Amino acid sequence: MGQVKLLNIGLHNITMLELLDKLRFGGVVFTTNVDHLIKLQKDKDFYLAYQGSDYRVCDSQVLLYASNFLGTPLPEKLSGSDLFPAFYTYYKHDKNVKVFLLGAAPGVAKQAQKKINLKVGRDIVIASYSPTFGFEKDEEECQKIIDLIDQSGATVLAIGVGAPKQELWLTRYKDQLKNVKLFLAIGATIDFEAGNIQRSPKWMSQVGLEWLHRTLCEPKRLWKRYIVDDLPFFWLIIKQRFKLYQNPWSYEKQSLLDQPQSTEGAICDHKLKGL
């Protein structure tokens, strides 16, 4: 399984069906979009967390266009909002797959749980929890969440609390979860599954305008992210095309490679102890 380099992260060159089959063995999945790539230029902790993921997949049609522009095309878009329903459909008859939903506003995760189980025809989502705002800074609540997940017997954790919060939380706490083998960072997908937020029309997603639909639906929250913060992405990709781009964390990356630990994930956990 090769990788396609986009700025300072390698995205896995993998199709949906290939990924779904590999997920039976577990792992950590991050769904990369333009906003992630911009944050990865500025947030060292986020960058280090990314080094501990097993699968980094393309969550944006814009990234597909960028990979083609660079001459290293990715096979398809694997957004979290497409991957998660494909996952629970693919494994709907596998009784060992038991999902815990973590994220969204109060009541939303529970609604998503009910709707998913109705579609699947069994209780594949066995529990859910909507954390309080700022929960990641409250060690007591974080330990409560770990206990809830452990007690549920879940083997899959799907977390949707936004980036970089969800990726950093997984990096810090995943090793405390006794039964979970697969970790999916899925952003707004829980809201989509609950029907709390409507996804863009399919044609908008296919041409790379899903960001516009989301901005129109949630202008106060998202306009600055998409209209202002993410614009430098296009200049950075042009720089990469002409071999002028430099990874701002290249020193940290080399330090990780020089460490004696056996896995990137262990190195990343060590680096992120203080988060």
C-alpha atoms as a PDB file:
ATOM      1  CA  MET A   1       0.000   0.000   0.000  1.00  0.00           C
ATOM      2  CA  GLY A   2       1.780   3.089  -1.265  1.00  0.00           C
ATOM      3  CA  GLN A   3       1.382   6.706  -0.210  1.00  0.00           C
ATOM      4  CA  VAL A   4       0.855   9.989  -2.028  1.00  0.00           C
ATOM      5  CA  LYS A   5       2.661  12.970  -0.540  1.00  0.00           C
ATOM      6  CA  LEU A   6       0.536  16.069   0.022  1.00  0.00           C
ATOM      7  CA  LEU A   7       2.587  18.749   1.768  1.00  0.00           C
ATOM      8  CA  ASN A   8       3.959  17.168   4.965  1.00  0.00           C
ATOM      9  CA  ILE A   9       1.688  14.094   5.124  1.00  0.00           C
ATOM     10  CA  GLY A  10       1.523  10.894   3.108  1.00  0.00           C
ATOM     11  CA  LEU A  11      -2.024   9.801   2.198  1.00  0.00           C
ATOM     12  CA  HIS A  12      -2.555   6.114   1.594  1.00  0.00           C
ATOM     13  CA  ASN A  13      -3.149   5.126  -2.003  1.00  0.00           C
ATOM     14  CA  ILE A  14      -6.131   2.907  -1.277  1.00  0.00           C
ATOM     15  CA  THR A  15      -9.703   2.352  -2.453  1.00  0.00           C
ATOM     16  CA  MET A  16     -12.773   2.122  -0.229  1.00  0.00           C
ATOM     17  CA  LEU A  17     -13.107  -1.657  -0.642  1.00  0.00           C
ATOM     18  CA  GLU A  18      -9.418  -2.233   0.069  1.00  0.00           C
ATOM     19  CA  LEU A  19      -9.618  -0.133   3.220  1.00  0.00           C
ATOM     20  CA  LEU A  20     -12.815  -1.780   4.473  1.00  0.00           C
ATOM     21  CA  ASP A  21     -11.200  -5.198   4.160  1.00  0.00           C
ATOM     22  CA  LYS A  22      -8.051  -4.104   6.014  1.00  0.00           C
ATOM     23  CA  LEU A  23     -10.053  -2.586   8.878  1.00  0.00           C
ATOM     24  CA  ARG A  24     -10.941  -6.077  10.114  1.00  0.00           C
ATOM     25  CA  PHE A  25      -7.426  -6.068  11.601  1.00  0.00           C
ATOM     26  CA  GLY A  26      -7.964  -2.764  13.437  1.00  0.00           C
ATOM     27  CA  GLY A  27      -5.910   0.419  13.385  1.00  0.00           C
ATOM     28  CA  VAL A  28      -6.270   4.188  13.613  1.00  0.00           C
ATOM     29  CA  VAL A  29      -7.928   5.998  10.700  1.00  0.00           C
ATOM     30  CA  PHE A  30      -7.636   9.753  10.070  1.00  0.00           C
ATOM     31  CA  THR A  31      -9.642  11.278   7.220  1.00  0.00           C
ATOM     32  CA  THR A  32      -7.546  14.118   5.835  1.00  0.00           C
ATOM     33  CA  ASN A  33      -9.024  17.283   4.325  1.00  0.00           C
ATOM     34  CA  VAL A  34      -7.752  20.735   3.353  1.00  0.00           C
ATOM     35  CA  ASP A  35      -8.321  22.106   6.850  1.00  0.00           C
ATOM     36  CA  HIS A  36      -6.217  19.299   8.347  1.00  0.00           C
ATOM     37  CA  LEU A  37      -3.362  20.045   5.970  1.00  0.00           C
ATOM     38  CA  ILE A  38      -3.393  23.726   6.911  1.00  0.00           C
ATOM     39  CA  LYS A  39      -3.406  22.876  10.633  1.00  0.00           C
ATOM     40  CA  LEU A  40      -0.558  20.431  10.039  1.00  0.00           C
ATOM     41  CA  GLN A  41       1.616  23.371   8.942  1.00  0.00           C
ATOM     42  CA  LYS A  42       1.044  25.217  12.235  1.00  0.00           C
ATOM     43  CA  ASP A  43       0.289  22.687  14.974  1.00  0.00           C
ATOM     44  CA  LYS A  44       3.230  20.480  15.932  1.00  0.00           C
ATOM     45  CA  ASP A  45       1.169  18.328  18.312  1.00  0.00           C
ATOM     46  CA  PHE A  46      -1.341  17.628  15.555  1.00  0.00           C
ATOM     47  CA  TYR A  47       1.495  16.720  13.195  1.00  0.00           C
ATOM     48  CA  LEU A  48       2.979  14.330  15.740  1.00  0.00           C
ATOM     49  CA  ALA A  49      -0.429  12.754  16.341  1.00  0.00           C
ATOM     50  CA  TYR A  50      -0.693  12.115  12.602  1.00  0.00           C
ATOM     51  CA  GLN A  51       2.508  10.049  12.739  1.00  0.00           C
ATOM     52  CA  GLY A  52       0.711   7.523  14.953  1.00  0.00           C
ATOM     53  CA  SER A  53      -2.152   6.848  12.532  1.00  0.00           C
ATOM     54  CA  ASP A  54      -2.288   3.635  10.511  1.00  0.00           C
ATOM     55  CA  TYR A  55      -4.447   4.942   7.678  1.00  0.00           C
ATOM     56  CA  ARG A  56      -4.581   8.496   6.340  1.00  0.00           C
ATOM     57  CA  VAL A  57      -7.189   8.769   3.619  1.00  0.00           C
ATOM     58  CA  CYS A  58      -8.416  11.499   1.302  1.00  0.00           C
ATOM     59  CA  ASP A  59     -11.489  13.269   2.704  1.00  0.00           C
ATOM     60  CA  SER A  60     -11.782  15.928   0.018  1.00  0.00           C
ATOM     61  CA  GLN A  61     -12.358  16.207  -3.708  1.00  0.00           C
ATOM     62  CA  VAL A  62     -10.032  19.213  -3.591  1.00  0.00           C
ATOM     63  CA  LEU A  63      -7.238  16.898  -2.413  1.00  0.00           C
ATOM     64  CA  LEU A  64      -7.971  14.597  -5.352  1.00  0.00           C
ATOM     65  CA  TYR A  65      -7.527  17.556  -7.682  1.00  0.00           C
ATOM     66  CA  ALA A  66      -4.302  18.483  -5.886  1.00  0.00           C
ATOM     67  CA  SER A  67      -2.904  14.950  -6.187  1.00  0.00           C
ATOM     68  CA  ASN A  68      -3.617  15.002  -9.923  1.00  0.00           C
ATOM     69  CA  PHE A  69      -1.951  18.420 -10.261  1.00  0.00           C
ATOM     70  CA  LEU A  70       1.140  16.992  -8.555  1.00  0.00           C
ATOM     71  CA  GLY A  71       1.204  14.040 -10.935  1.00  0.00           C
ATOM     72  CA  THR A  72       0.514  11.461  -8.208  1.00  0.00           C
ATOM     73  CA  PRO A  73      -3.253  10.859  -8.380  1.00  0.00           C
ATOM     74  CA  LEU A  74      -5.148   9.280  -5.520  1.00  0.00           C
ATOM     75  CA  PRO A  75      -7.718   6.624  -6.534  1.00  0.00           C
ATOM     76  CA  GLU A  76     -10.814   8.072  -4.832  1.00  0.00           C
ATOM     77  CA  LYS A  77     -12.223  10.273  -2.079  1.00  0.00           C
ATOM     78  CA  LEU A  78     -12.805   8.451   1.229  1.00  0.00           C
ATOM     79  CA  SER A  79     -14.540  11.017   3.395  1.00  0.00           C
ATOM     80  CA  GLY A  80     -15.476  10.080   6.947  1.00  0.00           C
ATOM     81  CA  SER A  81     -19.137  10.637   6.128  1.00  0.00           C
ATOM     82  CA  ASP A  82     -18.871   8.036   3.329  1.00  0.00           C
ATOM     83  CA  LEU A  83     -16.454   5.678   5.075  1.00  0.00           C
ATOM     84  CA  PHE A  84     -18.432   5.240   8.281  1.00  0.00           C
ATOM     85  CA  PRO A  85     -21.741   4.125   6.692  1.00  0.00           C
ATOM     86  CA  ALA A  86     -19.769   1.931   4.277  1.00  0.00           C
ATOM     87  CA  PHE A  87     -18.012   0.405   7.296  1.00  0.00           C
ATOM     88  CA  TYR A  88     -21.099  -0.455   9.315  1.00  0.00           C
ATOM     89  CA  THR A  89     -22.817  -1.809   6.201  1.00  0.00           C
ATOM     90  CA  TYR A  90     -19.784  -3.939   5.275  1.00  0.00           C
ATOM     91  CA  TYR A  91     -19.602  -5.427   8.788  1.00  0.00           C
ATOM     92  CA  LYS A  92     -23.295  -5.552   9.630  1.00  0.00           C
ATOM     93  CA  HIS A  93     -23.262  -9.348   9.962  1.00  0.00           C
ATOM     94  CA  ASP A  94     -20.022  -9.484  11.956  1.00  0.00           C
ATOM     95  CA  LYS A  95     -21.089  -9.817  15.587  1.00  0.00           C
ATOM     96  CA  ASN A  96     -17.559  -8.959  16.750  1.00  0.00           C
ATOM     97  CA  VAL A  97     -17.974  -5.428  15.390  1.00  0.00           C
ATOM     98  CA  LYS A  98     -19.479  -3.343  18.181  1.00  0.00           C
ATOM     99  CA  VAL A  99     -19.306   0.435  17.818  1.00  0.00           C
ATOM    100  CA  PHE A 100     -19.189   3.207  20.421  1.00  0.00           C
ATOM    101  CA  LEU A 101     -20.102   6.688  19.139  1.00  0.00           C
ATOM    102  CA  LEU A 102     -18.361   9.603  20.853  1.00  0.00           C
ATOM    103  CA  GLY A 103     -19.231  13.170  19.870  1.00  0.00           C
ATOM    104  CA  ALA A 104     -21.866  15.681  18.743  1.00  0.00           C
ATOM    105  CA  ALA A 105     -24.250  17.732  20.888  1.00  0.00           C
ATOM    106  CA  PRO A 106     -26.339  16.197  23.703  1.00  0.00           C
ATOM    107  CA  GLY A 107     -28.826  13.696  22.325  1.00  0.00           C
ATOM    108  CA  VAL A 108     -27.405  13.702  18.794  1.00  0.00           C
ATOM    109  CA  ALA A 109     -25.128  10.680  19.194  1.00  0.00           C
ATOM    110  CA  LYS A 110     -28.000   8.714  20.733  1.00  0.00           C
ATOM    111  CA  GLN A 111     -30.216   9.618  17.761  1.00  0.00           C
ATOM    112  CA  ALA A 112     -27.473   8.546  15.350  1.00  0.00           C
ATOM    113  CA  GLN A 113     -27.146   5.274  17.268  1.00  0.00           C
ATOM    114  CA  LYS A 114     -30.853   4.516  16.847  1.00  0.00           C
ATOM    115  CA  LYS A 115     -30.901   5.347  13.134  1.00  0.00           C
ATOM    116  CA  ILE A 116     -27.773   3.324  12.329  1.00  0.00           C
ATOM    117  CA  ASN A 117     -29.033   0.265  14.192  1.00  0.00           C
ATOM    118  CA  LEU A 118     -32.364   0.506  12.397  1.00  0.00           C
ATOM    119  CA  LYS A 119     -30.597   0.582   9.018  1.00  0.00           C
ATOM    120  CA  VAL A 120     -28.259  -2.293   9.884  1.00  0.00           C
ATOM    121  CA  GLY A 121     -30.916  -4.471  11.480  1.00  0.00           C
ATOM    122  CA  ARG A 122     -28.986  -5.135  14.683  1.00  0.00           C
ATOM    123  CA  ASP A 123     -27.406  -3.193  17.541  1.00  0.00           C
ATOM    124  CA  ILE A 124     -24.051  -2.665  15.841  1.00  0.00           C
ATOM    125  CA  VAL A 125     -23.745   0.662  17.731  1.00  0.00           C
ATOM    126  CA  ILE A 126     -23.954  -0.555  21.317  1.00  0.00           C
ATOM    127  CA  ALA A 127     -23.430   2.753  23.147  1.00  0.00           C
ATOM    128  CA  SER A 128     -22.891   6.470  22.617  1.00  0.00           C
ATOM    129  CA  TYR A 129     -21.879   9.566  24.546  1.00  0.00           C
ATOM    130  CA  SER A 130     -21.946  13.283  23.801  1.00  0.00           C
ATOM    131  CA  PRO A 131     -19.151  14.938  25.801  1.00  0.00           C
ATOM    132  CA  THR A 132     -19.370  18.389  27.327  1.00  0.00           C
ATOM    133  CA  PHE A 133     -17.678  21.359  25.677  1.00  0.00           C
ATOM    134  CA  GLY A 134     -14.001  21.389  26.625  1.00  0.00           C
ATOM    135  CA  PHE A 135     -14.092  17.769  27.835  1.00  0.00           C
ATOM    136  CA  GLU A 136     -10.599  17.117  26.482  1.00  0.00           C
ATOM    137  CA  LYS A 137      -9.195  19.410  29.206  1.00  0.00           C
ATOM    138  CA  ASP A 138     -11.132  17.665  31.992  1.00  0.00           C
ATOM    139  CA  GLU A 139      -9.250  14.545  33.057  1.00  0.00           C
ATOM    140  CA  GLU A 140     -12.160  13.366  35.199  1.00  0.00           C
ATOM    141  CA  GLU A 141     -14.546  13.383  32.240  1.00  0.00           C
ATOM    142  CA  CYS A 142     -11.951  11.767  29.987  1.00  0.00           C
ATOM    143  CA  GLN A 143     -11.585   8.907  32.462  1.00  0.00           C
ATOM    144  CA  LYS A 144     -15.380   8.649  32.661  1.00  0.00           C
ATOM    145  CA  ILE A 145     -15.482   8.291  28.871  1.00  0.00           C
ATOM    146  CA  ILE A 146     -12.817   5.580  28.957  1.00  0.00           C
ATOM    147  CA  ASP A 147     -14.830   3.690  31.592  1.00  0.00           C
ATOM    148  CA  LEU A 148     -18.019   4.005  29.525  1.00  0.00           C
ATOM    149  CA  ILE A 149     -16.294   2.647  26.433  1.00  0.00           C
ATOM    150  CA  ASP A 150     -14.656  -0.225  28.335  1.00  0.00           C
ATOM    151  CA  GLN A 151     -17.887  -1.183  30.089  1.00  0.00           C
ATOM    152  CA  SER A 152     -19.802  -1.169  26.808  1.00  0.00           C
ATOM    153  CA  GLY A 153     -17.624  -3.893  25.305  1.00  0.00           C
ATOM    154  CA  ALA A 154     -17.126  -1.871  22.119  1.00  0.00           C
ATOM    155  CA  THR A 155     -14.455  -3.017  19.679  1.00  0.00           C
ATOM    156  CA  VAL A 156     -14.698   0.099  17.491  1.00  0.00           C
ATOM    157  CA  LEU A 157     -14.580   3.744  18.594  1.00  0.00           C
ATOM    158  CA  ALA A 158     -15.963   6.330  16.172  1.00  0.00           C
ATOM    159  CA  ILE A 159     -15.139   9.805  17.474  1.00  0.00           C
ATOM    160  CA  GLY A 160     -16.494  13.006  15.958  1.00  0.00           C
ATOM    161  CA  VAL A 161     -15.506  16.070  17.972  1.00  0.00           C
ATOM    162  CA  GLY A 162     -13.633  18.014  15.288  1.00  0.00           C
ATOM    163  CA  ALA A 163      -9.979  18.331  14.340  1.00  0.00           C
ATOM    164  CA  PRO A 164      -7.468  18.438  15.852  1.00  0.00           C
ATOM    165  CA  LYS A 165      -9.310  17.603  19.087  1.00  0.00           C
ATOM    166  CA  GLN A 166     -10.411  14.113  18.046  1.00  0.00           C
ATOM    167  CA  GLU A 167      -6.992  13.089  16.732  1.00  0.00           C
ATOM    168  CA  LEU A 168      -5.179  14.392  19.812  1.00  0.00           C
ATOM    169  CA  TRP A 169      -7.656  12.718  22.165  1.00  0.00           C
ATOM    170  CA  LEU A 170      -7.251   9.374  20.401  1.00  0.00           C
ATOM    171  CA  THR A 171      -3.484   9.640  20.505  1.00  0.00           C
ATOM    172  CA  ARG A 172      -3.492  10.303  24.220  1.00  0.00           C
ATOM    173  CA  TYR A 173      -6.108   7.800  25.391  1.00  0.00           C
ATOM    174  CA  LYS A 174      -6.393   4.953  22.865  1.00  0.00           C
ATOM    175  CA  ASP A 175      -3.961   2.716  24.740  1.00  0.00           C
ATOM    176  CA  GLN A 176      -6.179   2.888  27.839  1.00  0.00           C
ATOM    177  CA  LEU A 177      -9.083   1.290  25.975  1.00  0.00           C
ATOM    178  CA  LYS A 178      -8.985  -2.452  26.644  1.00  0.00           C
ATOM    179  CA  ASN A 179     -11.254  -3.848  23.951  1.00  0.00           C
ATOM    180  CA  VAL A 180     -11.162  -1.304  21.135  1.00  0.00           C
ATOM    181  CA  LYS A 181      -9.117  -2.380  18.121  1.00  0.00           C
ATOM    182  CA  LEU A 182     -10.304   0.130  15.538  1.00  0.00           C
ATOM    183  CA  PHE A 183     -10.369   3.904  15.961  1.00  0.00           C
ATOM    184  CA  LEU A 184     -12.176   6.101  13.423  1.00  0.00           C
ATOM    185  CA  ALA A 185     -11.867   9.905  13.546  1.00  0.00           C
ATOM    186  CA  ILE A 186     -14.958  10.963  11.600  1.00  0.00           C
ATOM    187  CA  GLY A 187     -15.642  14.670  12.238  1.00  0.00           C
ATOM    188  CA  ALA A 188     -19.229  15.773  11.579  1.00  0.00           C
ATOM    189  CA  THR A 189     -20.359  12.288  10.521  1.00  0.00           C
ATOM    190  CA  ILE A 190     -22.332  11.656  13.724  1.00  0.00           C
ATOM    191  CA  ASP A 191     -24.411  14.779  13.000  1.00  0.00           C
ATOM    192  CA  PHE A 192     -25.006  13.566   9.450  1.00  0.00           C
ATOM    193  CA  GLU A 193     -26.074  10.111  10.647  1.00  0.00           C
ATOM    194  CA  ALA A 194     -28.496  11.633  13.163  1.00  0.00           C
ATOM    195  CA  GLY A 195     -29.966  13.949  10.528  1.00  0.00           C
ATOM    196  CA  ASN A 196     -28.952  16.925  12.650  1.00  0.00           C
ATOM    197  CA  ILE A 197     -26.963  18.397   9.732  1.00  0.00           C
ATOM    198  CA  GLN A 198     -27.743  17.726   6.090  1.00  0.00           C
ATOM    199  CA  ARG A 199     -24.963  16.620   3.767  1.00  0.00           C
ATOM    200  CA  SER A 200     -24.445  18.470   0.524  1.00  0.00           C
ATOM    201  CA  PRO A 201     -26.112  17.224  -2.662  1.00  0.00           C
ATOM    202  CA  LYS A 202     -24.083  14.455  -4.274  1.00  0.00           C
ATOM    203  CA  TRP A 203     -23.142  16.580  -7.285  1.00  0.00           C
ATOM    204  CA  MET A 204     -21.596  19.250  -5.038  1.00  0.00           C
ATOM    205  CA  SER A 205     -19.495  16.631  -3.281  1.00  0.00           C
ATOM    206  CA  GLN A 206     -18.379  15.142  -6.590  1.00  0.00           C
ATOM    207  CA  VAL A 207     -17.115  18.469  -7.973  1.00  0.00           C
ATOM    208  CA  GLY A 208     -15.486  19.617  -4.736  1.00  0.00           C
ATOM    209  CA  LEU A 209     -18.096  22.077  -3.468  1.00  0.00           C
ATOM    210  CA  GLU A 210     -19.142  20.302  -0.272  1.00  0.00           C
ATOM    211  CA  TRP A 211     -17.253  23.007   1.657  1.00  0.00           C
ATOM    212  CA  LEU A 212     -19.553  25.653   0.115  1.00  0.00           C
ATOM    213  CA  HIS A 213     -22.684  23.777   1.163  1.00  0.00           C
ATOM    214  CA  ARG A 214     -21.408  23.404   4.723  1.00  0.00           C
ATOM    215  CA  THR A 215     -20.479  27.095   4.854  1.00  0.00           C
ATOM    216  CA  LEU A 216     -23.963  28.103   3.736  1.00  0.00           C
ATOM    217  CA  CYS A 217     -25.508  25.778   6.365  1.00  0.00           C
ATOM    218  CA  GLU A 218     -23.246  26.945   9.220  1.00  0.00           C
ATOM    219  CA  PRO A 219     -21.879  30.356   8.146  1.00  0.00           C
ATOM    220  CA  LYS A 220     -20.987  31.698  11.597  1.00  0.00           C
ATOM    221  CA  ARG A 221     -18.917  28.633  12.457  1.00  0.00           C
ATOM    222  CA  LEU A 222     -17.344  27.746   9.136  1.00  0.00           C
ATOM    223  CA  TRP A 223     -16.950  30.821   6.902  1.00  0.00           C
ATOM    224  CA  LYS A 224     -13.557  31.808   8.301  1.00  0.00           C
ATOM    225  CA  ARG A 225     -12.204  28.261   8.083  1.00  0.00           C
ATOM    226  CA  TYR A 226     -13.089  27.776   4.429  1.00  0.00           C
ATOM    227  CA  ILE A 227     -12.875  31.319   3.064  1.00  0.00           C
ATOM    228  CA  VAL A 228      -9.838  32.622   4.967  1.00  0.00           C
ATOM    229  CA  ASP A 229      -7.854  30.012   6.874  1.00  0.00           C
ATOM    230  CA  ASP A 230      -7.700  27.347   4.149  1.00  0.00           C
ATOM    231  CA  LEU A 231      -6.816  29.597   1.186  1.00  0.00           C
ATOM    232  CA  PRO A 232      -3.010  29.214   1.644  1.00  0.00           C
ATOM    233  CA  PHE A 233      -3.393  25.525   0.750  1.00  0.00           C
ATOM    234  CA  PHE A 234      -3.415  26.318  -2.973  1.00  0.00           C
ATOM    235  CA  TRP A 235      -0.187  28.322  -2.786  1.00  0.00           C
ATOM    236  CA  LEU A 236       1.482  25.548  -0.763  1.00  0.00           C
ATOM    237  CA  ILE A 237       0.495  22.942  -3.369  1.00  0.00           C
ATOM    238  CA  ILE A 238       1.948  25.116  -6.134  1.00  0.00           C
ATOM    239  CA  LYS A 239       5.167  25.344  -4.117  1.00  0.00           C
ATOM    240  CA  GLN A 240       5.210  21.548  -3.757  1.00  0.00           C
ATOM    241  CA  ARG A 241       4.683  21.147  -7.513  1.00  0.00           C
ATOM    242  CA  PHE A 242       7.809  23.187  -8.157  1.00  0.00           C
ATOM    243  CA  LYS A 243       9.773  21.566  -5.299  1.00  0.00           C
ATOM    244  CA  LEU A 244       9.786  24.734  -3.198  1.00  0.00           C
ATOM    245  CA  TYR A 245       7.723  23.444  -0.279  1.00  0.00           C
ATOM    246  CA  GLN A 246       9.461  22.648   3.024  1.00  0.00           C
ATOM    247  CA  ASN A 247       7.936  20.696   5.891  1.00  0.00           C
ATOM    248  CA  PRO A 248       7.953  23.050   8.926  1.00  0.00           C
ATOM    249  CA  TRP A 249       8.386  20.038  11.239  1.00  0.00           C
ATOM    250  CA  SER A 250      11.127  18.220   9.314  1.00  0.00           C
ATOM    251  CA  TYR A 251      13.377  18.286  12.385  1.00  0.00           C
ATOM    252  CA  GLU A 252      10.683  16.670  14.553  1.00  0.00           C
ATOM    253  CA  LYS A 253      10.096  14.032  11.889  1.00  0.00           C
ATOM    254  CA  GLN A 254      13.770  13.115  11.802  1.00  0.00           C
ATOM    255  CA  SER A 255      13.839  13.009  15.606  1.00  0.00           C
ATOM    256  CA  LEU A 256      10.947  10.532  15.550  1.00  0.00           C
ATOM    257  CA  LEU A 257      12.773   8.322  13.077  1.00  0.00           C
ATOM    258  CA  ASP A 258      15.896   8.393  15.232  1.00  0.00           C
ATOM    259  CA  GLN A 259      14.060   7.277  18.391  1.00  0.00           C
ATOM    260  CA  PRO A 260      14.609   3.652  19.548  1.00  0.00           C
ATOM    261  CA  GLN A 261      10.887   2.892  20.056  1.00  0.00           C
ATOM    262  CA  SER A 262       9.492   0.073  17.973  1.00  0.00           C
ATOM    263  CA  THR A 263       6.470   1.865  16.515  1.00  0.00           C
ATOM    264  CA  GLU A 264       5.578   5.344  15.377  1.00  0.00           C
ATOM    265  CA  GLY A 265       2.505   5.209  17.595  1.00  0.00           C
ATOM    266  CA  ALA A 266       4.588   4.646  20.720  1.00  0.00           C
ATOM    267  CA  ILE A 267       6.851   7.531  19.769  1.00  0.00           C
ATOM    268  CA  CYS A 268       3.870   9.780  19.214  1.00  0.00           C
ATOM    269  CA  ASP A 269       2.355   8.830  22.577  1.00  0.00           C
ATOM    270  CA  HIS A 270       5.621   9.703  24.265  1.00  0.00           C
ATOM    271  CA  LYS A 271       5.743  13.095  22.591  1.00  0.00           C
ATOM    272  CA  LEU A 272       2.141  13.891  23.463  1.00  0.00           C
ATOM    273  CA  LYS A 273       2.112  12.995  27.167  1.00  0.00           C
ATOM    274  CA  GLY A 274       1.750  16.620  28.165  1.00  0.00           C
ATOM    275  CA  LEU A 275      -1.273  17.418  25.973  1.00  0.00           C
END
